[in-house]
């Protein structure tokens, strides 16, 4: 049986899994520039830290698809609300999105 806490945890897991999926890119474009071999010290000059996203496990993708199937039963605005909470967005952001008071959201 599904209770509210388990359903909320499942939506949070689905949001994390969706964030870890590889980005969608347009097919057909490629780069003609040759690959540049960098010196060993050059990566140290990069002031932006690299964030590596490891792809999710197949079981996590199956759980995400099942959760999104359950979300299809909701109205569109309710789906947006549930997905924003799954992404752990604050009530202030949600109330701005829906144009209502924080306590109403």
PDB file of N, CA and C in Angstrom:
ATOM      1  N   UNK A   1       0.847  -1.197   0.000  1.00  0.00           N
ATOM      2  CA  UNK A   1       0.000   0.000   0.000  1.00  0.00           C
ATOM      3  C   UNK A   1       0.879   1.243   0.000  1.00  0.00           C
ATOM      4  N   UNK A   2       0.458   2.244  -0.740  1.00  0.00           N
ATOM      5  CA  UNK A   2       1.224   3.479  -0.842  1.00  0.00           C
ATOM      6  C   UNK A   2       0.743   4.474   0.192  1.00  0.00           C
ATOM      7  N   UNK A   3       1.650   4.958   1.019  1.00  0.00           N
ATOM      8  CA  UNK A   3       1.309   6.033   1.935  1.00  0.00           C
ATOM      9  C   UNK A   3       1.986   7.315   1.440  1.00  0.00           C
ATOM     10  N   UNK A   4       1.699   8.414   2.076  1.00  0.00           N
ATOM     11  CA  UNK A   4       2.153   9.715   1.600  1.00  0.00           C
ATOM     12  C   UNK A   4       3.677   9.850   1.658  1.00  0.00           C
ATOM     13  N   UNK A   5       4.293   9.361   2.725  1.00  0.00           N
ATOM     14  CA  UNK A   5       5.749   9.479   2.866  1.00  0.00           C
ATOM     15  C   UNK A   5       6.466   8.650   1.805  1.00  0.00           C
ATOM     16  N   UNK A   6       5.980   7.463   1.542  1.00  0.00           N
ATOM     17  CA  UNK A   6       6.610   6.603   0.539  1.00  0.00           C
ATOM     18  C   UNK A   6       6.463   7.201  -0.859  1.00  0.00           C
ATOM     19  N   UNK A   7       5.310   7.768  -1.141  1.00  0.00           N
ATOM     20  CA  UNK A   7       5.091   8.402  -2.436  1.00  0.00           C
ATOM     21  C   UNK A   7       5.978   9.631  -2.600  1.00  0.00           C
ATOM     22  N   UNK A   8       6.132  10.432  -1.546  1.00  0.00           N
ATOM     23  CA  UNK A   8       7.012  11.601  -1.606  1.00  0.00           C
ATOM     24  C   UNK A   8       8.459  11.178  -1.810  1.00  0.00           C
ATOM     25  N   UNK A   9       8.880  10.113  -1.131  1.00  0.00           N
ATOM     26  CA  UNK A   9      10.248   9.615  -1.307  1.00  0.00           C
ATOM     27  C   UNK A   9      10.457   9.107  -2.728  1.00  0.00           C
ATOM     28  N   UNK A  10       9.438   8.485  -3.298  1.00  0.00           N
ATOM     29  CA  UNK A  10       9.550   7.977  -4.666  1.00  0.00           C
ATOM     30  C   UNK A  10       9.672   9.115  -5.666  1.00  0.00           C
ATOM     31  N   UNK A  11       8.936  10.227  -5.447  1.00  0.00           N
ATOM     32  CA  UNK A  11       9.050  11.374  -6.337  1.00  0.00           C
ATOM     33  C   UNK A  11      10.409  12.052  -6.204  1.00  0.00           C
ATOM     34  N   UNK A  12      10.959  12.115  -4.990  1.00  0.00           N
ATOM     35  CA  UNK A  12      12.296  12.674  -4.814  1.00  0.00           C
ATOM     36  C   UNK A  12      13.325  11.810  -5.534  1.00  0.00           C
ATOM     37  N   UNK A  13      13.184  10.504  -5.418  1.00  0.00           N
ATOM     38  CA  UNK A  13      14.096   9.593  -6.112  1.00  0.00           C
ATOM     39  C   UNK A  13      13.983   9.763  -7.628  1.00  0.00           C
ATOM     40  N   UNK A  14      12.761   9.939  -8.118  1.00  0.00           N
ATOM     41  CA  UNK A  14      12.562  10.121  -9.562  1.00  0.00           C
ATOM     42  C   UNK A  14      13.193  11.422 -10.033  1.00  0.00           C
ATOM     43  N   UNK A  15      13.098  12.482  -9.241  1.00  0.00           N
ATOM     44  CA  UNK A  15      13.709  13.755  -9.622  1.00  0.00           C
ATOM     45  C   UNK A  15      15.232  13.639  -9.645  1.00  0.00           C
ATOM     46  N   UNK A  16      15.816  12.949  -8.660  1.00  0.00           N
ATOM     47  CA  UNK A  16      17.267  12.750  -8.645  1.00  0.00           C
ATOM     48  C   UNK A  16      17.707  11.903  -9.837  1.00  0.00           C
ATOM     49  N   UNK A  17      16.940  10.874 -10.165  1.00  0.00           N
ATOM     50  CA  UNK A  17      17.277  10.012 -11.291  1.00  0.00           C
ATOM     51  C   UNK A  17      17.195  10.790 -12.598  1.00  0.00           C
ATOM     52  N   UNK A  18      16.166  11.607 -12.759  1.00  0.00           N
ATOM     53  CA  UNK A  18      16.030  12.405 -13.982  1.00  0.00           C
ATOM     54  C   UNK A  18      17.180  13.399 -14.119  1.00  0.00           C
ATOM     55  N   UNK A  19      17.653  13.913 -13.002  1.00  0.00           N
ATOM     56  CA  UNK A  19      18.773  14.855 -13.039  1.00  0.00           C
ATOM     57  C   UNK A  19      20.070  14.162 -13.439  1.00  0.00           C
ATOM     58  N   UNK A  20      20.201  12.892 -13.115  1.00  0.00           N
ATOM     59  CA  UNK A  20      21.420  12.151 -13.423  1.00  0.00           C
ATOM     60  C   UNK A  20      21.447  11.580 -14.837  1.00  0.00           C
ATOM     61  N   UNK A  21      20.348  11.654 -15.563  1.00  0.00           N
ATOM     62  CA  UNK A  21      20.331  11.156 -16.936  1.00  0.00           C
ATOM     63  C   UNK A  21      21.232  12.015 -17.812  1.00  0.00           C
ATOM     64  N   UNK A  22      21.825  11.433 -18.850  1.00  0.00           N
ATOM     65  CA  UNK A  22      22.681  12.243 -19.729  1.00  0.00           C
ATOM     66  C   UNK A  22      21.852  13.272 -20.482  1.00  0.00           C
ATOM     67  N   UNK A  23      22.466  14.406 -20.837  1.00  0.00           N
ATOM     68  CA  UNK A  23      21.711  15.446 -21.533  1.00  0.00           C
ATOM     69  C   UNK A  23      21.323  14.997 -22.940  1.00  0.00           C
ATOM     70  N   UNK A  24      20.215  15.533 -23.417  1.00  0.00           N
ATOM     71  CA  UNK A  24      19.742  15.231 -24.762  1.00  0.00           C
ATOM     72  C   UNK A  24      20.431  16.192 -25.716  1.00  0.00           C
ATOM     73  N   UNK A  25      21.033  15.645 -26.752  1.00  0.00           N
ATOM     74  CA  UNK A  25      21.748  16.465 -27.721  1.00  0.00           C
ATOM     75  C   UNK A  25      21.155  16.238 -29.105  1.00  0.00           C
ATOM     76  N   UNK A  26      21.269  17.242 -29.945  1.00  0.00           N
ATOM     77  CA  UNK A  26      20.777  17.156 -31.306  1.00  0.00           C
ATOM     78  C   UNK A  26      21.709  16.245 -32.093  1.00  0.00           C
ATOM     79  N   UNK A  27      21.142  15.295 -32.798  1.00  0.00           N
ATOM     80  CA  UNK A  27      21.946  14.381 -33.604  1.00  0.00           C
ATOM     81  C   UNK A  27      22.329  15.036 -34.924  1.00  0.00           C
ATOM     82  N   UNK A  28      23.485  14.658 -35.460  1.00  0.00           N
ATOM     83  CA  UNK A  28      23.872  15.115 -36.776  1.00  0.00           C
ATOM     84  C   UNK A  28      24.928  16.193 -36.790  1.00  0.00           C
ATOM     85  N   UNK A  29      25.179  16.855 -35.675  1.00  0.00           N
ATOM     86  CA  UNK A  29      26.213  17.873 -35.640  1.00  0.00           C
ATOM     87  C   UNK A  29      27.502  17.264 -35.123  1.00  0.00           C
ATOM     88  N   UNK A  30      28.597  17.685 -35.714  1.00  0.00           N
ATOM     89  CA  UNK A  30      29.889  17.198 -35.249  1.00  0.00           C
ATOM     90  C   UNK A  30      30.905  18.317 -35.379  1.00  0.00           C
ATOM     91  N   UNK A  31      32.045  18.087 -34.801  1.00  0.00           N
ATOM     92  CA  UNK A  31      33.083  19.095 -34.742  1.00  0.00           C
ATOM     93  C   UNK A  31      34.244  18.675 -35.626  1.00  0.00           C
ATOM     94  N   UNK A  32      34.710  19.568 -36.491  1.00  0.00           N
ATOM     95  CA  UNK A  32      35.831  19.250 -37.367  1.00  0.00           C
ATOM     96  C   UNK A  32      37.177  19.644 -36.762  1.00  0.00           C
ATOM     97  N   UNK A  33      37.150  20.301 -35.615  1.00  0.00           N
ATOM     98  CA  UNK A  33      38.403  20.696 -34.994  1.00  0.00           C
ATOM     99  C   UNK A  33      39.125  19.461 -34.484  1.00  0.00           C
ATOM    100  N   UNK A  34      40.439  19.434 -34.611  1.00  0.00           N
ATOM    101  CA  UNK A  34      41.185  18.277 -34.084  1.00  0.00           C
ATOM    102  C   UNK A  34      41.201  18.308 -32.559  1.00  0.00           C
ATOM    103  N   UNK A  35      41.376  17.140 -31.974  1.00  0.00           N
ATOM    104  CA  UNK A  35      41.477  17.056 -30.524  1.00  0.00           C
ATOM    105  C   UNK A  35      42.786  17.697 -30.079  1.00  0.00           C
ATOM    106  N   UNK A  36      42.722  18.493 -29.042  1.00  0.00           N
ATOM    107  CA  UNK A  36      43.900  19.199 -28.558  1.00  0.00           C
ATOM    108  C   UNK A  36      44.480  18.430 -27.386  1.00  0.00           C
ATOM    109  N   UNK A  37      45.759  18.133 -27.469  1.00  0.00           N
ATOM    110  CA  UNK A  37      46.425  17.472 -26.361  1.00  0.00           C
ATOM    111  C   UNK A  37      46.908  18.547 -25.404  1.00  0.00           C
ATOM    112  N   UNK A  38      46.446  18.509 -24.214  1.00  0.00           N
ATOM    113  CA  UNK A  38      46.777  19.517 -23.223  1.00  0.00           C
ATOM    114  C   UNK A  38      47.975  19.066 -22.395  1.00  0.00           C
ATOM    115  N   UNK A  39      48.681  20.049 -21.901  1.00  0.00           N
ATOM    116  CA  UNK A  39      49.795  19.757 -21.012  1.00  0.00           C
ATOM    117  C   UNK A  39      49.259  19.330 -19.651  1.00  0.00           C
ATOM    118  N   UNK A  40      50.105  18.710 -18.859  1.00  0.00           N
ATOM    119  CA  UNK A  40      49.667  18.180 -17.560  1.00  0.00           C
ATOM    120  C   UNK A  40      49.235  19.278 -16.609  1.00  0.00           C
ATOM    121  N   UNK A  41      49.800  20.479 -16.734  1.00  0.00           N
ATOM    122  CA  UNK A  41      49.492  21.553 -15.796  1.00  0.00           C
ATOM    123  C   UNK A  41      48.250  22.349 -16.189  1.00  0.00           C
ATOM    124  N   UNK A  42      47.763  22.226 -17.397  1.00  0.00           N
ATOM    125  CA  UNK A  42      46.651  23.057 -17.864  1.00  0.00           C
ATOM    126  C   UNK A  42      45.336  22.840 -17.119  1.00  0.00           C
ATOM    127  N   UNK A  43      44.997  21.635 -16.731  1.00  0.00           N
ATOM    128  CA  UNK A  43      43.739  21.517 -15.977  1.00  0.00           C
ATOM    129  C   UNK A  43      43.747  22.255 -14.645  1.00  0.00           C
ATOM    130  N   UNK A  44      44.925  22.505 -14.089  1.00  0.00           N
ATOM    131  CA  UNK A  44      44.997  23.219 -12.812  1.00  0.00           C
ATOM    132  C   UNK A  44      44.622  24.681 -12.960  1.00  0.00           C
ATOM    133  N   UNK A  45      44.729  25.230 -14.167  1.00  0.00           N
ATOM    134  CA  UNK A  45      44.380  26.628 -14.395  1.00  0.00           C
ATOM    135  C   UNK A  45      42.872  26.830 -14.464  1.00  0.00           C
ATOM    136  N   UNK A  46      42.129  25.757 -14.621  1.00  0.00           N
ATOM    137  CA  UNK A  46      40.674  25.860 -14.709  1.00  0.00           C
ATOM    138  C   UNK A  46      40.113  26.117 -13.318  1.00  0.00           C
ATOM    139  N   UNK A  47      39.492  27.277 -13.139  1.00  0.00           N
ATOM    140  CA  UNK A  47      38.975  27.617 -11.814  1.00  0.00           C
ATOM    141  C   UNK A  47      37.605  26.997 -11.539  1.00  0.00           C
ATOM    142  N   UNK A  48      36.960  26.445 -12.540  1.00  0.00           N
ATOM    143  CA  UNK A  48      35.654  25.802 -12.358  1.00  0.00           C
ATOM    144  C   UNK A  48      35.864  24.336 -11.991  1.00  0.00           C
ATOM    145  N   UNK A  49      35.334  23.904 -10.866  1.00  0.00           N
ATOM    146  CA  UNK A  49      35.468  22.480 -10.532  1.00  0.00           C
ATOM    147  C   UNK A  49      34.603  21.629 -11.464  1.00  0.00           C
ATOM    148  N   UNK A  50      35.073  20.484 -11.793  1.00  0.00           N
ATOM    149  CA  UNK A  50      34.343  19.562 -12.657  1.00  0.00           C
ATOM    150  C   UNK A  50      33.340  18.768 -11.818  1.00  0.00           C
ATOM    151  N   UNK A  51      32.121  18.686 -12.317  1.00  0.00           N
ATOM    152  CA  UNK A  51      31.089  17.895 -11.664  1.00  0.00           C
ATOM    153  C   UNK A  51      30.759  16.734 -12.584  1.00  0.00           C
ATOM    154  N   UNK A  52      31.042  15.557 -12.131  1.00  0.00           N
ATOM    155  CA  UNK A  52      30.766  14.378 -12.923  1.00  0.00           C
ATOM    156  C   UNK A  52      29.444  13.779 -12.478  1.00  0.00           C
ATOM    157  N   UNK A  53      28.584  13.526 -13.459  1.00  0.00           N
ATOM    158  CA  UNK A  53      27.304  12.883 -13.167  1.00  0.00           C
ATOM    159  C   UNK A  53      27.389  11.448 -13.648  1.00  0.00           C
ATOM    160  N   UNK A  54      27.317  10.536 -12.725  1.00  0.00           N
ATOM    161  CA  UNK A  54      27.308   9.138 -13.094  1.00  0.00           C
ATOM    162  C   UNK A  54      25.891   8.745 -13.481  1.00  0.00           C
ATOM    163  N   UNK A  55      25.732   7.970 -14.539  1.00  0.00           N
ATOM    164  CA  UNK A  55      24.380   7.612 -14.970  1.00  0.00           C
ATOM    165  C   UNK A  55      23.681   6.755 -13.923  1.00  0.00           C
ATOM    166  N   UNK A  56      22.374   6.863 -13.834  1.00  0.00           N
ATOM    167  CA  UNK A  56      21.641   6.079 -12.837  1.00  0.00           C
ATOM    168  C   UNK A  56      21.595   4.600 -13.203  1.00  0.00           C
ATOM    169  N   UNK A  57      21.312   3.798 -12.213  1.00  0.00           N
ATOM    170  CA  UNK A  57      21.176   2.360 -12.404  1.00  0.00           C
ATOM    171  C   UNK A  57      19.870   2.075 -13.160  1.00  0.00           C
ATOM    172  N   UNK A  58      19.803   0.972 -13.902  1.00  0.00           N
ATOM    173  CA  UNK A  58      18.568   0.637 -14.617  1.00  0.00           C
ATOM    174  C   UNK A  58      17.350   0.490 -13.696  1.00  0.00           C
ATOM    175  N   UNK A  59      17.560  -0.018 -12.493  1.00  0.00           N
ATOM    176  CA  UNK A  59      16.438  -0.147 -11.551  1.00  0.00           C
ATOM    177  C   UNK A  59      15.896   1.223 -11.164  1.00  0.00           C
ATOM    178  N   UNK A  60      16.798   2.204 -11.014  1.00  0.00           N
ATOM    179  CA  UNK A  60      16.346   3.556 -10.677  1.00  0.00           C
ATOM    180  C   UNK A  60      15.545   4.163 -11.827  1.00  0.00           C
ATOM    181  N   UNK A  61      15.935   3.865 -13.049  1.00  0.00           N
ATOM    182  CA  UNK A  61      15.186   4.363 -14.205  1.00  0.00           C
ATOM    183  C   UNK A  61      13.813   3.706 -14.261  1.00  0.00           C
ATOM    184  N   UNK A  62      13.744   2.406 -13.942  1.00  0.00           N
ATOM    185  CA  UNK A  62      12.445   1.725 -13.904  1.00  0.00           C
ATOM    186  C   UNK A  62      11.544   2.329 -12.838  1.00  0.00           C
ATOM    187  N   UNK A  63      12.096   2.640 -11.666  1.00  0.00           N
ATOM    188  CA  UNK A  63      11.301   3.277 -10.606  1.00  0.00           C
ATOM    189  C   UNK A  63      10.823   4.652 -11.047  1.00  0.00           C
ATOM    190  N   UNK A  64      11.700   5.399 -11.737  1.00  0.00           N
ATOM    191  CA  UNK A  64      11.328   6.727 -12.214  1.00  0.00           C
ATOM    192  C   UNK A  64      10.180   6.636 -13.220  1.00  0.00           C
ATOM    193  N   UNK A  65      10.257   5.683 -14.141  1.00  0.00           N
ATOM    194  CA  UNK A  65       9.198   5.538 -15.136  1.00  0.00           C
ATOM    195  C   UNK A  65       7.881   5.139 -14.480  1.00  0.00           C
ATOM    196  N   UNK A  66       7.936   4.261 -13.481  1.00  0.00           N
ATOM    197  CA  UNK A  66       6.717   3.873 -12.761  1.00  0.00           C
ATOM    198  C   UNK A  66       6.117   5.073 -12.035  1.00  0.00           C
ATOM    199  N   UNK A  67       6.971   5.877 -11.406  1.00  0.00           N
ATOM    200  CA  UNK A  67       6.497   7.058 -10.688  1.00  0.00           C
ATOM    201  C   UNK A  67       5.905   8.080 -11.645  1.00  0.00           C
ATOM    202  N   UNK A  68       6.527   8.263 -12.791  1.00  0.00           N
ATOM    203  CA  UNK A  68       5.999   9.210 -13.764  1.00  0.00           C
ATOM    204  C   UNK A  68       4.682   8.714 -14.360  1.00  0.00           C
ATOM    205  N   UNK A  69       4.520   7.404 -14.435  1.00  0.00           N
ATOM    206  CA  UNK A  69       3.236   6.850 -14.860  1.00  0.00           C
ATOM    207  C   UNK A  69       2.133   7.155 -13.862  1.00  0.00           C
ATOM    208  N   UNK A  70       2.485   7.088 -12.582  1.00  0.00           N
ATOM    209  CA  UNK A  70       1.509   7.457 -11.550  1.00  0.00           C
ATOM    210  C   UNK A  70       1.199   8.946 -11.591  1.00  0.00           C
ATOM    211  N   UNK A  71       2.209   9.754 -11.920  1.00  0.00           N
ATOM    212  CA  UNK A  71       1.991  11.203 -11.992  1.00  0.00           C
ATOM    213  C   UNK A  71       1.095  11.575 -13.161  1.00  0.00           C
ATOM    214  N   UNK A  72       1.017  10.715 -14.169  1.00  0.00           N
ATOM    215  CA  UNK A  72       0.163  11.002 -15.321  1.00  0.00           C
ATOM    216  C   UNK A  72      -1.315  11.026 -14.932  1.00  0.00           C
ATOM    217  N   UNK A  73      -1.651  10.433 -13.801  1.00  0.00           N
ATOM    218  CA  UNK A  73      -3.042  10.423 -13.336  1.00  0.00           C
ATOM    219  C   UNK A  73      -3.447  11.768 -12.736  1.00  0.00           C
ATOM    220  N   UNK A  74      -2.471  12.615 -12.425  1.00  0.00           N
ATOM    221  CA  UNK A  74      -2.764  13.917 -11.832  1.00  0.00           C
ATOM    222  C   UNK A  74      -3.035  14.943 -12.918  1.00  0.00           C
ATOM    223  N   UNK A  75      -3.646  16.051 -12.518  1.00  0.00           N
ATOM    224  CA  UNK A  75      -3.827  17.169 -13.446  1.00  0.00           C
ATOM    225  C   UNK A  75      -2.470  17.815 -13.708  1.00  0.00           C
ATOM    226  N   UNK A  76      -2.370  18.596 -14.766  1.00  0.00           N
ATOM    227  CA  UNK A  76      -1.077  19.162 -15.168  1.00  0.00           C
ATOM    228  C   UNK A  76      -0.475  20.054 -14.089  1.00  0.00           C
ATOM    229  N   UNK A  77      -1.268  20.916 -13.503  1.00  0.00           N
ATOM    230  CA  UNK A  77      -0.762  21.801 -12.456  1.00  0.00           C
ATOM    231  C   UNK A  77      -0.329  21.006 -11.228  1.00  0.00           C
ATOM    232  N   UNK A  78      -1.061  19.943 -10.916  1.00  0.00           N
ATOM    233  CA  UNK A  78      -0.682  19.094  -9.782  1.00  0.00           C
ATOM    234  C   UNK A  78       0.637  18.381 -10.064  1.00  0.00           C
ATOM    235  N   UNK A  79       0.836  17.961 -11.315  1.00  0.00           N
ATOM    236  CA  UNK A  79       2.115  17.326 -11.681  1.00  0.00           C
ATOM    237  C   UNK A  79       3.272  18.284 -11.498  1.00  0.00           C
ATOM    238  N   UNK A  80       3.087  19.537 -11.919  1.00  0.00           N
ATOM    239  CA  UNK A  80       4.139  20.532 -11.750  1.00  0.00           C
ATOM    240  C   UNK A  80       4.445  20.749 -10.267  1.00  0.00           C
ATOM    241  N   UNK A  81       3.406  20.820  -9.470  1.00  0.00           N
ATOM    242  CA  UNK A  81       3.586  21.024  -8.033  1.00  0.00           C
ATOM    243  C   UNK A  81       4.338  19.851  -7.407  1.00  0.00           C
ATOM    244  N   UNK A  82       3.925  18.645  -7.717  1.00  0.00           N
ATOM    245  CA  UNK A  82       4.557  17.454  -7.145  1.00  0.00           C
ATOM    246  C   UNK A  82       5.995  17.336  -7.625  1.00  0.00           C
ATOM    247  N   UNK A  83       6.246  17.632  -8.893  1.00  0.00           N
ATOM    248  CA  UNK A  83       7.605  17.517  -9.418  1.00  0.00           C
ATOM    249  C   UNK A  83       8.524  18.572  -8.796  1.00  0.00           C
ATOM    250  N   UNK A  84       7.997  19.782  -8.588  1.00  0.00           N
ATOM    251  CA  UNK A  84       8.817  20.814  -7.949  1.00  0.00           C
ATOM    252  C   UNK A  84       9.154  20.434  -6.516  1.00  0.00           C
ATOM    253  N   UNK A  85       8.228  19.828  -5.806  1.00  0.00           N
ATOM    254  CA  UNK A  85       8.530  19.366  -4.446  1.00  0.00           C
ATOM    255  C   UNK A  85       9.486  18.193  -4.488  1.00  0.00           C
ATOM    256  N   UNK A  86       9.393  17.361  -5.519  1.00  0.00           N
ATOM    257  CA  UNK A  86      10.335  16.258  -5.662  1.00  0.00           C
ATOM    258  C   UNK A  86      11.751  16.747  -5.887  1.00  0.00           C
ATOM    259  N   UNK A  87      11.884  17.906  -6.510  1.00  0.00           N
ATOM    260  CA  UNK A  87      13.192  18.508  -6.715  1.00  0.00           C
ATOM    261  C   UNK A  87      13.644  19.297  -5.499  1.00  0.00           C
ATOM    262  N   UNK A  88      12.861  19.257  -4.438  1.00  0.00           N
ATOM    263  CA  UNK A  88      13.126  19.953  -3.175  1.00  0.00           C
ATOM    264  C   UNK A  88      13.177  21.471  -3.349  1.00  0.00           C
ATOM    265  N   UNK A  89      12.347  21.976  -4.222  1.00  0.00           N
ATOM    266  CA  UNK A  89      12.233  23.427  -4.349  1.00  0.00           C
ATOM    267  C   UNK A  89      11.453  23.959  -3.165  1.00  0.00           C
ATOM    268  N   UNK A  90      11.735  25.182  -2.793  1.00  0.00           N
ATOM    269  CA  UNK A  90      11.071  25.787  -1.647  1.00  0.00           C
ATOM    270  C   UNK A  90       9.649  26.206  -1.959  1.00  0.00           C
ATOM    271  N   UNK A  91       8.874  26.378  -0.895  1.00  0.00           N
ATOM    272  CA  UNK A  91       7.483  26.792  -1.075  1.00  0.00           C
ATOM    273  C   UNK A  91       7.408  28.193  -1.671  1.00  0.00           C
ATOM    274  N   UNK A  92       8.418  28.996  -1.434  1.00  0.00           N
ATOM    275  CA  UNK A  92       8.417  30.345  -1.992  1.00  0.00           C
ATOM    276  C   UNK A  92       8.494  30.296  -3.516  1.00  0.00           C
ATOM    277  N   UNK A  93       9.370  29.448  -4.055  1.00  0.00           N
ATOM    278  CA  UNK A  93       9.462  29.293  -5.505  1.00  0.00           C
ATOM    279  C   UNK A  93       8.179  28.721  -6.091  1.00  0.00           C
ATOM    280  N   UNK A  94       7.605  27.765  -5.379  1.00  0.00           N
ATOM    281  CA  UNK A  94       6.363  27.143  -5.852  1.00  0.00           C
ATOM    282  C   UNK A  94       5.224  28.151  -5.858  1.00  0.00           C
ATOM    283  N   UNK A  95       5.141  28.973  -4.807  1.00  0.00           N
ATOM    284  CA  UNK A  95       4.059  29.964  -4.763  1.00  0.00           C
ATOM    285  C   UNK A  95       4.222  31.009  -5.864  1.00  0.00           C
ATOM    286  N   UNK A  96       5.462  31.349  -6.218  1.00  0.00           N
ATOM    287  CA  UNK A  96       5.675  32.262  -7.347  1.00  0.00           C
ATOM    288  C   UNK A  96       5.228  31.622  -8.649  1.00  0.00           C
ATOM    289  N   UNK A  97       5.531  30.354  -8.825  1.00  0.00           N
ATOM    290  CA  UNK A  97       5.180  29.643 -10.066  1.00  0.00           C
ATOM    291  C   UNK A  97       3.673  29.574 -10.251  1.00  0.00           C
ATOM    292  N   UNK A  98       2.959  29.336  -9.152  1.00  0.00           N
ATOM    293  CA  UNK A  98       1.509  29.163  -9.250  1.00  0.00           C
ATOM    294  C   UNK A  98       0.738  30.437  -8.961  1.00  0.00           C
ATOM    295  N   UNK A  99       1.427  31.494  -8.558  1.00  0.00           N
ATOM    296  CA  UNK A  99       0.753  32.772  -8.319  1.00  0.00           C
ATOM    297  C   UNK A  99      -0.186  32.735  -7.140  1.00  0.00           C
ATOM    298  N   UNK A 100       0.251  32.108  -6.040  1.00  0.00           N
ATOM    299  CA  UNK A 100      -0.585  32.054  -4.851  1.00  0.00           C
ATOM    300  C   UNK A 100       0.284  32.278  -3.618  1.00  0.00           C
ATOM    301  N   UNK A 101      -0.348  32.342  -2.483  1.00  0.00           N
ATOM    302  CA  UNK A 101       0.368  32.514  -1.231  1.00  0.00           C
ATOM    303  C   UNK A 101       1.122  31.243  -0.862  1.00  0.00           C
ATOM    304  N   UNK A 102       2.180  31.390  -0.067  1.00  0.00           N
ATOM    305  CA  UNK A 102       2.999  30.251   0.337  1.00  0.00           C
ATOM    306  C   UNK A 102       2.181  29.216   1.118  1.00  0.00           C
ATOM    307  N   UNK A 103       1.302  29.684   1.980  1.00  0.00           N
ATOM    308  CA  UNK A 103       0.501  28.748   2.771  1.00  0.00           C
ATOM    309  C   UNK A 103      -0.549  28.033   1.907  1.00  0.00           C
ATOM    310  N   UNK A 104      -1.003  28.695   0.853  1.00  0.00           N
ATOM    311  CA  UNK A 104      -1.948  28.054  -0.060  1.00  0.00           C
ATOM    312  C   UNK A 104      -1.281  26.948  -0.875  1.00  0.00           C
ATOM    313  N   UNK A 105      -0.053  27.218  -1.301  1.00  0.00           N
ATOM    314  CA  UNK A 105       0.681  26.213  -2.079  1.00  0.00           C
ATOM    315  C   UNK A 105       0.954  25.002  -1.210  1.00  0.00           C
TER     316      UNK A 105
END
